Every structure is written in structure tokens, then in C-alpha cells.
Amino acid sequence: MRLTKASAGMEKCMSEIMKNIAKSEILTLKEQVSYMENQVVSKTLIQNQDVNMTLFAFAKNEEISSHESKGDAFILCLDGMGKITIDEETYNLIEGQTIVMPAGHPHAVFAKEQFKMLLVVTF
């Protein structure tokens, strides 16, 4: 099959949708971002007008303070324990658990201990 200039450009664009992570390789997601003392470390995997996907590693007692998002925000806990606050109600999230923070509602994330999460925001 011959690629036209337009389809070649589209193929290149599609291959660059996900970044900062190996492709065609089995990975352990929580090993793709590292803890740093007294910091929140983030690693963006996808960022466009439809979706943002980011890995986070929170040192103990670090946080992302209360804010609102224009999209629904899905969290998957990869390691440790995080306290998620949505509309002033708190939820303790542990490895393997998920929660959705709805668009337009104030929410915050606090690391009760070291905490890693995958955040997927859809718009």
C-alpha cells in the first residue's frame, strides 16, 4: 500500500499521540514514575483537546489543592494511599481502586503516604 503525503502525516501524528512511555513492551505502570522527596512528580502520557493522561507520584503529605476541571477526571491508584476530596467529601483510595471526580466539582488529592496514580481526564 502506498501512503499519500496526507496519510503519511496522519500516520506520524497517530504514532505521536502517546508519549513518554515505551510502546510494544510490557510495563508495570507504577514503575514509570518515581517518588521524589517533598514533591509531586508528574509524567504526561497524552495531552490533547479530548483527553489528558498523566502519571503522578506524590511524596507523603504532598497534595494538589482544591480545584475544578472542565472534564471528568478518572483516578486509578497504583501504589500507596491517597485521600481524594470531592465536594468536601473525602475518600481513601488504595492500590487497585478507582474514583471519578466529576467535571465542574471541586476536588483535591492528598498523599496520606507515598501515593502513585494514573489520572485520565476526558473532555
PDB file of N, CA and C in Angstrom:
ATOM      1  N   MET A   1       0.845  -1.180   0.000  1.00  0.00           N
ATOM      2  CA  MET A   1       0.000   0.000   0.000  1.00  0.00           C
ATOM      3  C   MET A   1       0.887   1.239   0.000  1.00  0.00           C
ATOM      4  N   ARG A   2       0.570   2.170  -0.869  1.00  0.00           N
ATOM      5  CA  ARG A   2       1.321   3.409  -0.974  1.00  0.00           C
ATOM      6  C   ARG A   2       0.690   4.494  -0.107  1.00  0.00           C
ATOM      7  N   LEU A   3       1.506   5.189   0.666  1.00  0.00           N
ATOM      8  CA  LEU A   3       1.000   6.265   1.506  1.00  0.00           C
ATOM      9  C   LEU A   3       1.047   7.582   0.748  1.00  0.00           C
ATOM     10  N   THR A   4      -0.043   8.311   0.789  1.00  0.00           N
ATOM     11  CA  THR A   4      -0.028   9.663   0.250  1.00  0.00           C
ATOM     12  C   THR A   4       0.627  10.562   1.290  1.00  0.00           C
ATOM     13  N   LYS A   5       0.927  11.778   0.889  1.00  0.00           N
ATOM     14  CA  LYS A   5       1.531  12.732   1.827  1.00  0.00           C
ATOM     15  C   LYS A   5       0.611  12.951   3.032  1.00  0.00           C
ATOM     16  N   ALA A   6      -0.692  13.080   2.772  1.00  0.00           N
ATOM     17  CA  ALA A   6      -1.649  13.321   3.855  1.00  0.00           C
ATOM     18  C   ALA A   6      -1.734  12.120   4.792  1.00  0.00           C
ATOM     19  N   SER A   7      -1.823  10.903   4.229  1.00  0.00           N
ATOM     20  CA  SER A   7      -1.929   9.727   5.097  1.00  0.00           C
ATOM     21  C   SER A   7      -0.624   9.460   5.834  1.00  0.00           C
ATOM     22  N   ALA A   8       0.512   9.786   5.219  1.00  0.00           N
ATOM     23  CA  ALA A   8       1.799   9.642   5.909  1.00  0.00           C
ATOM     24  C   ALA A   8       1.857  10.591   7.099  1.00  0.00           C
ATOM     25  N   GLY A   9       1.382  11.811   6.911  1.00  0.00           N
ATOM     26  CA  GLY A   9       1.334  12.786   8.009  1.00  0.00           C
ATOM     27  C   GLY A   9       0.403  12.342   9.112  1.00  0.00           C
ATOM     28  N   MET A  10      -0.742  11.765   8.733  1.00  0.00           N
ATOM     29  CA  MET A  10      -1.696  11.275   9.719  1.00  0.00           C
ATOM     30  C   MET A  10      -1.095  10.102  10.488  1.00  0.00           C
ATOM     31  N   GLU A  11      -0.396   9.195   9.800  1.00  0.00           N
ATOM     32  CA  GLU A  11       0.251   8.059  10.462  1.00  0.00           C
ATOM     33  C   GLU A  11       1.279   8.551  11.478  1.00  0.00           C
ATOM     34  N   LYS A  12       2.060   9.556  11.110  1.00  0.00           N
ATOM     35  CA  LYS A  12       3.055  10.116  12.035  1.00  0.00           C
ATOM     36  C   LYS A  12       2.355  10.733  13.242  1.00  0.00           C
ATOM     37  N   CYS A  13       1.291  11.483  12.988  1.00  0.00           N
ATOM     38  CA  CYS A  13       0.544  12.132  14.069  1.00  0.00           C
ATOM     39  C   CYS A  13      -0.037  11.094  15.024  1.00  0.00           C
ATOM     40  N   MET A  14      -0.612  10.015  14.473  1.00  0.00           N
ATOM     41  CA  MET A  14      -1.197   8.966  15.307  1.00  0.00           C
ATOM     42  C   MET A  14      -0.132   8.299  16.172  1.00  0.00           C
ATOM     43  N   SER A  15       1.065   8.117  15.641  1.00  0.00           N
ATOM     44  CA  SER A  15       2.116   7.448  16.411  1.00  0.00           C
ATOM     45  C   SER A  15       2.654   8.333  17.529  1.00  0.00           C
ATOM     46  N   GLU A  16       2.364   9.609  17.485  1.00  0.00           N
ATOM     47  CA  GLU A  16       2.855  10.539  18.499  1.00  0.00           C
ATOM     48  C   GLU A  16       1.788  10.912  19.523  1.00  0.00           C
ATOM     49  N   ILE A  17       0.643  10.246  19.493  1.00  0.00           N
ATOM     50  CA  ILE A  17      -0.424  10.564  20.442  1.00  0.00           C
ATOM     51  C   ILE A  17       0.031  10.266  21.863  1.00  0.00           C
ATOM     52  N   MET A  18       0.594   9.098  22.085  1.00  0.00           N
ATOM     53  CA  MET A  18       1.088   8.742  23.415  1.00  0.00           C
ATOM     54  C   MET A  18       2.591   8.968  23.447  1.00  0.00           C
ATOM     55  N   LYS A  19       3.053   9.644  24.497  1.00  0.00           N
ATOM     56  CA  LYS A  19       4.473   9.983  24.613  1.00  0.00           C
ATOM     57  C   LYS A  19       4.997   9.585  25.984  1.00  0.00           C
ATOM     58  N   ASN A  20       6.302   9.644  26.148  1.00  0.00           N
ATOM     59  CA  ASN A  20       6.969   9.413  27.433  1.00  0.00           C
ATOM     60  C   ASN A  20       6.761   8.018  28.005  1.00  0.00           C
ATOM     61  N   ILE A  21       6.469   7.051  27.131  1.00  0.00           N
ATOM     62  CA  ILE A  21       6.287   5.676  27.587  1.00  0.00           C
ATOM     63  C   ILE A  21       6.641   4.742  26.432  1.00  0.00           C
ATOM     64  N   ALA A  22       7.273   3.616  26.769  1.00  0.00           N
ATOM     65  CA  ALA A  22       7.666   2.648  25.743  1.00  0.00           C
ATOM     66  C   ALA A  22       6.434   2.021  25.099  1.00  0.00           C
ATOM     67  N   LYS A  23       6.548   1.727  23.824  1.00  0.00           N
ATOM     68  CA  LYS A  23       5.467   1.068  23.086  1.00  0.00           C
ATOM     69  C   LYS A  23       5.895  -0.353  22.738  1.00  0.00           C
ATOM     70  N   SER A  24       4.921  -1.209  22.516  1.00  0.00           N
ATOM     71  CA  SER A  24       5.149  -2.622  22.162  1.00  0.00           C
ATOM     72  C   SER A  24       6.061  -3.306  23.179  1.00  0.00           C
ATOM     73  N   GLU A  25       5.788  -3.019  24.445  1.00  0.00           N
ATOM     74  CA  GLU A  25       6.606  -3.568  25.531  1.00  0.00           C
ATOM     75  C   GLU A  25       5.724  -3.699  26.763  1.00  0.00           C
ATOM     76  N   ILE A  26       5.840  -4.805  27.474  1.00  0.00           N
ATOM     77  CA  ILE A  26       5.077  -4.980  28.710  1.00  0.00           C
ATOM     78  C   ILE A  26       5.724  -4.140  29.802  1.00  0.00           C
ATOM     79  N   LEU A  27       4.906  -3.317  30.465  1.00  0.00           N
ATOM     80  CA  LEU A  27       5.396  -2.408  31.501  1.00  0.00           C
ATOM     81  C   LEU A  27       4.583  -2.572  32.779  1.00  0.00           C
ATOM     82  N   THR A  28       5.169  -2.223  33.883  1.00  0.00           N
ATOM     83  CA  THR A  28       4.448  -2.072  35.140  1.00  0.00           C
ATOM     84  C   THR A  28       4.237  -0.575  35.311  1.00  0.00           C
ATOM     85  N   LEU A  29       2.980  -0.150  35.240  1.00  0.00           N
ATOM     86  CA  LEU A  29       2.667   1.274  35.180  1.00  0.00           C
ATOM     87  C   LEU A  29       3.237   2.064  36.349  1.00  0.00           C
ATOM     88  N   LYS A  30       3.160   1.527  37.568  1.00  0.00           N
ATOM     89  CA  LYS A  30       3.644   2.287  38.723  1.00  0.00           C
ATOM     90  C   LYS A  30       5.155   2.484  38.701  1.00  0.00           C
ATOM     91  N   GLU A  31       5.875   1.718  37.900  1.00  0.00           N
ATOM     92  CA  GLU A  31       7.325   1.887  37.785  1.00  0.00           C
ATOM     93  C   GLU A  31       7.714   2.960  36.761  1.00  0.00           C
ATOM     94  N   GLN A  32       6.737   3.559  36.109  1.00  0.00           N
ATOM     95  CA  GLN A  32       7.008   4.545  35.066  1.00  0.00           C
ATOM     96  C   GLN A  32       7.143   5.972  35.597  1.00  0.00           C
ATOM     97  N   VAL A  33       6.932   6.151  36.896  1.00  0.00           N
ATOM     98  CA  VAL A  33       7.103   7.454  37.539  1.00  0.00           C
ATOM     99  C   VAL A  33       7.708   7.197  38.920  1.00  0.00           C
ATOM    100  N   SER A  34       8.637   8.063  39.333  1.00  0.00           N
ATOM    101  CA  SER A  34       9.378   7.849  40.581  1.00  0.00           C
ATOM    102  C   SER A  34       9.031   8.886  41.639  1.00  0.00           C
ATOM    103  N   TYR A  35       9.102   8.447  42.886  1.00  0.00           N
ATOM    104  CA  TYR A  35       8.924   9.357  44.011  1.00  0.00           C
ATOM    105  C   TYR A  35      10.133  10.267  44.146  1.00  0.00           C
ATOM    106  N   MET A  36       9.884  11.509  44.563  1.00  0.00           N
ATOM    107  CA  MET A  36      10.943  12.445  44.924  1.00  0.00           C
ATOM    108  C   MET A  36      10.517  13.105  46.230  1.00  0.00           C
ATOM    109  N   GLU A  37      11.433  13.188  47.158  1.00  0.00           N
ATOM    110  CA  GLU A  37      11.131  13.733  48.484  1.00  0.00           C
ATOM    111  C   GLU A  37      10.521  15.133  48.386  1.00  0.00           C
ATOM    112  N   ASN A  38       9.444  15.334  49.120  1.00  0.00           N
ATOM    113  CA  ASN A  38       8.756  16.631  49.231  1.00  0.00           C
ATOM    114  C   ASN A  38       8.244  17.168  47.903  1.00  0.00           C
ATOM    115  N   GLN A  39       7.911  16.273  46.968  1.00  0.00           N
ATOM    116  CA  GLN A  39       7.444  16.728  45.651  1.00  0.00           C
ATOM    117  C   GLN A  39       6.280  15.895  45.132  1.00  0.00           C
ATOM    118  N   VAL A  40       5.570  16.494  44.194  1.00  0.00           N
ATOM    119  CA  VAL A  40       4.611  15.782  43.359  1.00  0.00           C
ATOM    120  C   VAL A  40       5.256  15.706  41.985  1.00  0.00           C
ATOM    121  N   VAL A  41       5.514  14.497  41.521  1.00  0.00           N
ATOM    122  CA  VAL A  41       6.141  14.282  40.219  1.00  0.00           C
ATOM    123  C   VAL A  41       5.053  13.858  39.239  1.00  0.00           C
ATOM    124  N   SER A  42       5.055  14.448  38.044  1.00  0.00           N
ATOM    125  CA  SER A  42       4.077  14.057  37.035  1.00  0.00           C
ATOM    126  C   SER A  42       4.778  13.700  35.731  1.00  0.00           C
ATOM    127  N   LYS A  43       4.136  12.809  34.990  1.00  0.00           N
ATOM    128  CA  LYS A  43       4.649  12.379  33.698  1.00  0.00           C
ATOM    129  C   LYS A  43       3.460  12.292  32.748  1.00  0.00           C
ATOM    130  N   THR A  44       3.391  13.203  31.790  1.00  0.00           N
ATOM    131  CA  THR A  44       2.287  13.254  30.852  1.00  0.00           C
ATOM    132  C   THR A  44       2.446  12.177  29.783  1.00  0.00           C
ATOM    133  N   LEU A  45       1.387  11.411  29.579  1.00  0.00           N
ATOM    134  CA  LEU A  45       1.379  10.375  28.552  1.00  0.00           C
ATOM    135  C   LEU A  45       0.596  10.803  27.316  1.00  0.00           C
ATOM    136  N   ILE A  46      -0.518  11.507  27.534  1.00  0.00           N
ATOM    137  CA  ILE A  46      -1.336  12.044  26.434  1.00  0.00           C
ATOM    138  C   ILE A  46      -1.878  13.393  26.884  1.00  0.00           C
ATOM    139  N   GLN A  47      -1.864  14.356  25.967  1.00  0.00           N
ATOM    140  CA  GLN A  47      -2.483  15.647  26.258  1.00  0.00           C
ATOM    141  C   GLN A  47      -2.984  16.233  24.948  1.00  0.00           C
ATOM    142  N   ASN A  48      -4.304  16.270  24.799  1.00  0.00           N
ATOM    143  CA  ASN A  48      -4.916  16.904  23.628  1.00  0.00           C
ATOM    144  C   ASN A  48      -6.289  17.443  24.015  1.00  0.00           C
ATOM    145  N   GLN A  49      -7.062  17.895  23.045  1.00  0.00           N
ATOM    146  CA  GLN A  49      -8.345  18.533  23.356  1.00  0.00           C
ATOM    147  C   GLN A  49      -9.393  17.557  23.887  1.00  0.00           C
ATOM    148  N   ASP A  50      -9.178  16.253  23.712  1.00  0.00           N
ATOM    149  CA  ASP A  50     -10.152  15.260  24.132  1.00  0.00           C
ATOM    150  C   ASP A  50      -9.805  14.542  25.426  1.00  0.00           C
ATOM    151  N   VAL A  51      -8.501  14.362  25.665  1.00  0.00           N
ATOM    152  CA  VAL A  51      -8.089  13.561  26.816  1.00  0.00           C
ATOM    153  C   VAL A  51      -6.706  13.977  27.318  1.00  0.00           C
ATOM    154  N   ASN A  52      -6.534  13.935  28.620  1.00  0.00           N
ATOM    155  CA  ASN A  52      -5.218  14.079  29.260  1.00  0.00           C
ATOM    156  C   ASN A  52      -5.002  12.814  30.078  1.00  0.00           C
ATOM    157  N   MET A  53      -3.814  12.222  29.957  1.00  0.00           N
ATOM    158  CA  MET A  53      -3.462  11.049  30.741  1.00  0.00           C
ATOM    159  C   MET A  53      -2.105  11.315  31.368  1.00  0.00           C
ATOM    160  N   THR A  54      -2.052  11.285  32.691  1.00  0.00           N
ATOM    161  CA  THR A  54      -0.830  11.645  33.411  1.00  0.00           C
ATOM    162  C   THR A  54      -0.603  10.688  34.568  1.00  0.00           C
ATOM    163  N   LEU A  55       0.649  10.287  34.753  1.00  0.00           N
ATOM    164  CA  LEU A  55       1.063   9.514  35.915  1.00  0.00           C
ATOM    165  C   LEU A  55       1.557  10.489  36.976  1.00  0.00           C
ATOM    166  N   PHE A  56       1.240  10.231  38.231  1.00  0.00           N
ATOM    167  CA  PHE A  56       1.691  11.071  39.344  1.00  0.00           C
ATOM    168  C   PHE A  56       2.324  10.209  40.423  1.00  0.00           C
ATOM    169  N   ALA A  57       3.350  10.758  41.064  1.00  0.00           N
ATOM    170  CA  ALA A  57       3.959  10.167  42.261  1.00  0.00           C
ATOM    171  C   ALA A  57       4.032  11.273  43.311  1.00  0.00           C
ATOM    172  N   PHE A  58       3.299  11.102  44.394  1.00  0.00           N
ATOM    173  CA  PHE A  58       3.244  12.080  45.480  1.00  0.00           C
ATOM    174  C   PHE A  58       4.107  11.600  46.636  1.00  0.00           C
ATOM    175  N   ALA A  59       4.992  12.428  47.125  1.00  0.00           N
ATOM    176  CA  ALA A  59       5.665  12.142  48.384  1.00  0.00           C
ATOM    177  C   ALA A  59       4.616  12.261  49.492  1.00  0.00           C
ATOM    178  N   LYS A  60       4.852  11.595  50.614  1.00  0.00           N
ATOM    179  CA  LYS A  60       3.929  11.658  51.741  1.00  0.00           C
ATOM    180  C   LYS A  60       3.651  13.110  52.131  1.00  0.00           C
ATOM    181  N   ASN A  61       2.380  13.413  52.360  1.00  0.00           N
ATOM    182  CA  ASN A  61       1.876  14.726  52.784  1.00  0.00           C
ATOM    183  C   ASN A  61       1.891  15.783  51.682  1.00  0.00           C
ATOM    184  N   GLU A  62       2.197  15.409  50.450  1.00  0.00           N
ATOM    185  CA  GLU A  62       2.107  16.363  49.336  1.00  0.00           C
ATOM    186  C   GLU A  62       0.682  16.324  48.790  1.00  0.00           C
ATOM    187  N   GLU A  63       0.317  17.388  48.056  1.00  0.00           N
ATOM    188  CA  GLU A  63      -1.062  17.468  47.578  1.00  0.00           C
ATOM    189  C   GLU A  63      -1.204  18.304  46.318  1.00  0.00           C
ATOM    190  N   ILE A  64      -2.335  18.125  45.682  1.00  0.00           N
ATOM    191  CA  ILE A  64      -2.834  19.042  44.661  1.00  0.00           C
ATOM    192  C   ILE A  64      -4.065  19.658  45.304  1.00  0.00           C
ATOM    193  N   SER A  65      -4.024  20.960  45.540  1.00  0.00           N
ATOM    194  CA  SER A  65      -5.093  21.618  46.281  1.00  0.00           C
ATOM    195  C   SER A  65      -6.394  21.662  45.477  1.00  0.00           C
ATOM    196  N   SER A  66      -7.449  22.020  46.146  1.00  0.00           N
ATOM    197  CA  SER A  66      -8.783  22.013  45.563  1.00  0.00           C
ATOM    198  C   SER A  66      -8.867  22.892  44.310  1.00  0.00           C
ATOM    199  N   HIS A  67      -9.475  22.306  43.282  1.00  0.00           N
ATOM    200  CA  HIS A  67      -9.675  22.996  42.012  1.00  0.00           C
ATOM    201  C   HIS A  67     -10.811  22.294  41.274  1.00  0.00           C
ATOM    202  N   GLU A  68     -11.220  22.832  40.135  1.00  0.00           N
ATOM    203  CA  GLU A  68     -12.242  22.208  39.301  1.00  0.00           C
ATOM    204  C   GLU A  68     -11.665  21.931  37.933  1.00  0.00           C
ATOM    205  N   SER A  69     -12.242  20.951  37.249  1.00  0.00           N
ATOM    206  CA  SER A  69     -11.819  20.596  35.905  1.00  0.00           C
ATOM    207  C   SER A  69     -13.015  20.703  34.961  1.00  0.00           C
ATOM    208  N   LYS A  70     -12.750  20.979  33.706  1.00  0.00           N
ATOM    209  CA  LYS A  70     -13.817  21.026  32.703  1.00  0.00           C
ATOM    210  C   LYS A  70     -14.184  19.634  32.200  1.00  0.00           C
ATOM    211  N   GLY A  71     -13.394  18.622  32.602  1.00  0.00           N
ATOM    212  CA  GLY A  71     -13.667  17.253  32.183  1.00  0.00           C
ATOM    213  C   GLY A  71     -13.783  16.333  33.376  1.00  0.00           C
ATOM    214  N   ASP A  72     -14.399  15.160  33.149  1.00  0.00           N
ATOM    215  CA  ASP A  72     -14.432  14.134  34.186  1.00  0.00           C
ATOM    216  C   ASP A  72     -13.020  13.605  34.384  1.00  0.00           C
ATOM    217  N   ALA A  73     -12.613  13.414  35.634  1.00  0.00           N
ATOM    218  CA  ALA A  73     -11.254  13.000  35.961  1.00  0.00           C
ATOM    219  C   ALA A  73     -11.290  11.645  36.661  1.00  0.00           C
ATOM    220  N   PHE A  74     -10.735  10.635  36.009  1.00  0.00           N
ATOM    221  CA  PHE A  74     -10.690   9.261  36.497  1.00  0.00           C
ATOM    222  C   PHE A  74      -9.333   9.017  37.132  1.00  0.00           C
ATOM    223  N   ILE A  75      -9.319   8.545  38.385  1.00  0.00           N
ATOM    224  CA  ILE A  75      -8.069   8.224  39.081  1.00  0.00           C
ATOM    225  C   ILE A  75      -8.011   6.722  39.306  1.00  0.00           C
ATOM    226  N   LEU A  76      -6.848   6.138  39.006  1.00  0.00           N
ATOM    227  CA  LEU A  76      -6.545   4.756  39.345  1.00  0.00           C
ATOM    228  C   LEU A  76      -5.347   4.784  40.281  1.00  0.00           C
ATOM    229  N   CYS A  77      -5.522   4.298  41.507  1.00  0.00           N
ATOM    230  CA  CYS A  77      -4.413   4.243  42.466  1.00  0.00           C
ATOM    231  C   CYS A  77      -3.479   3.109  42.066  1.00  0.00           C
ATOM    232  N   LEU A  78      -2.202   3.429  41.899  1.00  0.00           N
ATOM    233  CA  LEU A  78      -1.191   2.457  41.503  1.00  0.00           C
ATOM    234  C   LEU A  78      -0.346   1.978  42.677  1.00  0.00           C
ATOM    235  N   ASP A  79      -0.258   2.799  43.741  1.00  0.00           N
ATOM    236  CA  ASP A  79       0.601   2.480  44.875  1.00  0.00           C
ATOM    237  C   ASP A  79       0.236   3.381  46.041  1.00  0.00           C
ATOM    238  N   GLY A  80       0.335   2.853  47.253  1.00  0.00           N
ATOM    239  CA  GLY A  80       0.141   3.673  48.448  1.00  0.00           C
ATOM    240  C   GLY A  80      -1.304   3.999  48.731  1.00  0.00           C
ATOM    241  N   MET A  81      -1.506   5.142  49.396  1.00  0.00           N
ATOM    242  CA  MET A  81      -2.850   5.590  49.746  1.00  0.00           C
ATOM    243  C   MET A  81      -2.976   7.093  49.542  1.00  0.00           C
ATOM    244  N   GLY A  82      -4.053   7.480  48.878  1.00  0.00           N
ATOM    245  CA  GLY A  82      -4.340   8.895  48.680  1.00  0.00           C
ATOM    246  C   GLY A  82      -5.704   9.244  49.223  1.00  0.00           C
ATOM    247  N   LYS A  83      -5.821  10.456  49.688  1.00  0.00           N
ATOM    248  CA  LYS A  83      -7.118  10.969  50.144  1.00  0.00           C
ATOM    249  C   LYS A  83      -7.647  11.864  49.036  1.00  0.00           C
ATOM    250  N   ILE A  84      -8.782  11.508  48.490  1.00  0.00           N
ATOM    251  CA  ILE A  84      -9.414  12.261  47.422  1.00  0.00           C
ATOM    252  C   ILE A  84     -10.594  13.003  48.020  1.00  0.00           C
ATOM    253  N   THR A  85     -10.673  14.287  47.772  1.00  0.00           N
ATOM    254  CA  THR A  85     -11.790  15.085  48.264  1.00  0.00           C
ATOM    255  C   THR A  85     -12.587  15.583  47.067  1.00  0.00           C
ATOM    256  N   ILE A  86     -13.882  15.315  47.076  1.00  0.00           N
ATOM    257  CA  ILE A  86     -14.795  15.773  46.030  1.00  0.00           C
ATOM    258  C   ILE A  86     -15.967  16.441  46.727  1.00  0.00           C
ATOM    259  N   ASP A  87     -16.219  17.700  46.406  1.00  0.00           N
ATOM    260  CA  ASP A  87     -17.327  18.426  47.040  1.00  0.00           C
ATOM    261  C   ASP A  87     -17.286  18.298  48.561  1.00  0.00           C
ATOM    262  N   GLU A  88     -16.101  18.411  49.144  1.00  0.00           N
ATOM    263  CA  GLU A  88     -15.868  18.367  50.583  1.00  0.00           C
ATOM    264  C   GLU A  88     -16.090  16.994  51.219  1.00  0.00           C
ATOM    265  N   GLU A  89     -16.367  15.958  50.424  1.00  0.00           N
ATOM    266  CA  GLU A  89     -16.450  14.595  50.951  1.00  0.00           C
ATOM    267  C   GLU A  89     -15.134  13.893  50.623  1.00  0.00           C
ATOM    268  N   THR A  90     -14.581  13.140  51.598  1.00  0.00           N
ATOM    269  CA  THR A  90     -13.279  12.502  51.391  1.00  0.00           C
ATOM    270  C   THR A  90     -13.414  10.996  51.177  1.00  0.00           C
ATOM    271  N   TYR A  91     -12.484  10.484  50.377  1.00  0.00           N
ATOM    272  CA  TYR A  91     -12.421   9.064  50.036  1.00  0.00           C
ATOM    273  C   TYR A  91     -10.956   8.639  50.134  1.00  0.00           C
ATOM    274  N   ASN A  92     -10.688   7.509  50.797  1.00  0.00           N
ATOM    275  CA  ASN A  92      -9.335   6.969  50.860  1.00  0.00           C
ATOM    276  C   ASN A  92      -9.197   5.929  49.758  1.00  0.00           C
ATOM    277  N   LEU A  93      -8.245   6.152  48.871  1.00  0.00           N
ATOM    278  CA  LEU A  93      -8.037   5.294  47.710  1.00  0.00           C
ATOM    279  C   LEU A  93      -6.758   4.497  47.903  1.00  0.00           C
ATOM    280  N   ILE A  94      -6.834   3.172  47.736  1.00  0.00           N
ATOM    281  CA  ILE A  94      -5.651   2.320  47.850  1.00  0.00           C
ATOM    282  C   ILE A  94      -5.413   1.605  46.517  1.00  0.00           C
ATOM    283  N   GLU A  95      -4.250   0.976  46.415  1.00  0.00           N
ATOM    284  CA  GLU A  95      -3.824   0.331  45.176  1.00  0.00           C
ATOM    285  C   GLU A  95      -4.930  -0.537  44.566  1.00  0.00           C
ATOM    286  N   GLY A  96      -5.174  -0.294  43.274  1.00  0.00           N
ATOM    287  CA  GLY A  96      -6.180  -1.047  42.537  1.00  0.00           C
ATOM    288  C   GLY A  96      -7.554  -0.405  42.521  1.00  0.00           C
ATOM    289  N   GLN A  97      -7.776   0.594  43.377  1.00  0.00           N
ATOM    290  CA  GLN A  97      -9.085   1.250  43.426  1.00  0.00           C
ATOM    291  C   GLN A  97      -9.119   2.476  42.511  1.00  0.00           C
ATOM    292  N   THR A  98     -10.335   2.816  42.088  1.00  0.00           N
ATOM    293  CA  THR A  98     -10.538   3.975  41.215  1.00  0.00           C
ATOM    294  C   THR A  98     -11.660   4.849  41.757  1.00  0.00           C
ATOM    295  N   ILE A  99     -11.660   6.075  41.289  1.00  0.00           N
ATOM    296  CA  ILE A  99     -12.754   7.003  41.579  1.00  0.00           C
ATOM    297  C   ILE A  99     -12.806   8.004  40.432  1.00  0.00           C
ATOM    298  N   VAL A 100     -14.000   8.514  40.163  1.00  0.00           N
ATOM    299  CA  VAL A 100     -14.171   9.554  39.146  1.00  0.00           C
ATOM    300  C   VAL A 100     -14.558  10.848  39.838  1.00  0.00           C
ATOM    301  N   MET A 101     -13.797  11.891  39.538  1.00  0.00           N
ATOM    302  CA  MET A 101     -14.094  13.223  40.048  1.00  0.00           C
ATOM    303  C   MET A 101     -14.856  13.930  38.924  1.00  0.00           C
ATOM    304  N   PRO A 102     -16.149  14.230  39.125  1.00  0.00           N
ATOM    305  CA  PRO A 102     -16.946  14.779  38.030  1.00  0.00           C
ATOM    306  C   PRO A 102     -16.550  16.204  37.641  1.00  0.00           C
ATOM    307  N   ALA A 103     -16.705  16.484  36.374  1.00  0.00           N
ATOM    308  CA  ALA A 103     -16.409  17.820  35.842  1.00  0.00           C
ATOM    309  C   ALA A 103     -17.204  18.878  36.602  1.00  0.00           C
ATOM    310  N   GLY A 104     -16.550  20.016  36.819  1.00  0.00           N
ATOM    311  CA  GLY A 104     -17.221  21.147  37.436  1.00  0.00           C
ATOM    312  C   GLY A 104     -17.390  21.057  38.941  1.00  0.00           C
ATOM    313  N   HIS A 105     -16.849  20.024  39.570  1.00  0.00           N
ATOM    314  CA  HIS A 105     -16.947  19.873  41.026  1.00  0.00           C
ATOM    315  C   HIS A 105     -15.566  20.066  41.642  1.00  0.00           C
ATOM    316  N   PRO A 106     -15.472  20.812  42.745  1.00  0.00           N
ATOM    317  CA  PRO A 106     -14.164  20.991  43.383  1.00  0.00           C
ATOM    318  C   PRO A 106     -13.633  19.655  43.901  1.00  0.00           C
ATOM    319  N   HIS A 107     -12.340  19.435  43.664  1.00  0.00           N
ATOM    320  CA  HIS A 107     -11.700  18.201  44.112  1.00  0.00           C
ATOM    321  C   HIS A 107     -10.236  18.461  44.424  1.00  0.00           C
ATOM    322  N   ALA A 108      -9.665  17.586  45.255  1.00  0.00           N
ATOM    323  CA  ALA A 108      -8.270  17.709  45.673  1.00  0.00           C
ATOM    324  C   ALA A 108      -7.709  16.309  45.900  1.00  0.00           C
ATOM    325  N   VAL A 109      -6.378  16.212  45.879  1.00  0.00           N
ATOM    326  CA  VAL A 109      -5.687  14.944  46.117  1.00  0.00           C
ATOM    327  C   VAL A 109      -4.602  15.184  47.159  1.00  0.00           C
ATOM    328  N   PHE A 110      -4.571  14.329  48.190  1.00  0.00           N
ATOM    329  CA  PHE A 110      -3.580  14.431  49.259  1.00  0.00           C
ATOM    330  C   PHE A 110      -2.969  13.056  49.489  1.00  0.00           C
ATOM    331  N   ALA A 111      -1.644  12.992  49.617  1.00  0.00           N
ATOM    332  CA  ALA A 111      -0.952  11.724  49.847  1.00  0.00           C
ATOM    333  C   ALA A 111      -0.832  11.461  51.344  1.00  0.00           C
ATOM    334  N   LYS A 112      -1.642  10.534  51.849  1.00  0.00           N
ATOM    335  CA  LYS A 112      -1.572  10.146  53.263  1.00  0.00           C
ATOM    336  C   LYS A 112      -0.274   9.390  53.535  1.00  0.00           C
ATOM    337  N   GLU A 113       0.247   8.758  52.511  1.00  0.00           N
ATOM    338  CA  GLU A 113       1.558   8.121  52.492  1.00  0.00           C
ATOM    339  C   GLU A 113       2.016   8.271  51.042  1.00  0.00           C
ATOM    340  N   GLN A 114       3.173   7.759  50.700  1.00  0.00           N
ATOM    341  CA  GLN A 114       3.564   7.842  49.295  1.00  0.00           C
ATOM    342  C   GLN A 114       2.420   7.288  48.459  1.00  0.00           C
ATOM    343  N   PHE A 115       2.154   7.947  47.326  1.00  0.00           N
ATOM    344  CA  PHE A 115       0.950   7.646  46.550  1.00  0.00           C
ATOM    345  C   PHE A 115       1.240   7.846  45.069  1.00  0.00           C
ATOM    346  N   LYS A 116       0.950   6.813  44.274  1.00  0.00           N
ATOM    347  CA  LYS A 116       1.072   6.930  42.817  1.00  0.00           C
ATOM    348  C   LYS A 116      -0.301   6.709  42.197  1.00  0.00           C
ATOM    349  N   MET A 117      -0.573   7.478  41.158  1.00  0.00           N
ATOM    350  CA  MET A 117      -1.876   7.347  40.498  1.00  0.00           C
ATOM    351  C   MET A 117      -1.757   7.632  39.009  1.00  0.00           C
ATOM    352  N   LEU A 118      -2.690   7.062  38.283  1.00  0.00           N
ATOM    353  CA  LEU A 118      -2.895   7.405  36.882  1.00  0.00           C
ATOM    354  C   LEU A 118      -4.134   8.278  36.838  1.00  0.00           C
ATOM    355  N   LEU A 119      -4.022   9.431  36.218  1.00  0.00           N
ATOM    356  CA  LEU A 119      -5.132  10.361  36.053  1.00  0.00           C
ATOM    357  C   LEU A 119      -5.499  10.421  34.580  1.00  0.00           C
ATOM    358  N   VAL A 120      -6.771  10.178  34.281  1.00  0.00           N
ATOM    359  CA  VAL A 120      -7.275  10.299  32.916  1.00  0.00           C
ATOM    360  C   VAL A 120      -8.429  11.288  32.954  1.00  0.00           C
ATOM    361  N   VAL A 121      -8.285  12.413  32.247  1.00  0.00           N
ATOM    362  CA  VAL A 121      -9.327  13.426  32.193  1.00  0.00           C
ATOM    363  C   VAL A 121      -9.885  13.427  30.771  1.00  0.00           C
ATOM    364  N   THR A 122     -11.208  13.280  30.665  1.00  0.00           N
ATOM    365  CA  THR A 122     -11.856  13.306  29.358  1.00  0.00           C
ATOM    366  C   THR A 122     -12.703  14.566  29.236  1.00  0.00           C
ATOM    367  N   PHE A 123     -12.648  15.164  28.061  1.00  0.00           N
ATOM    368  CA  PHE A 123     -13.364  16.416  27.807  1.00  0.00           C
ATOM    369  C   PHE A 123     -14.463  16.205  26.769  1.00  0.00           C
TER     370      PHE A 123
END
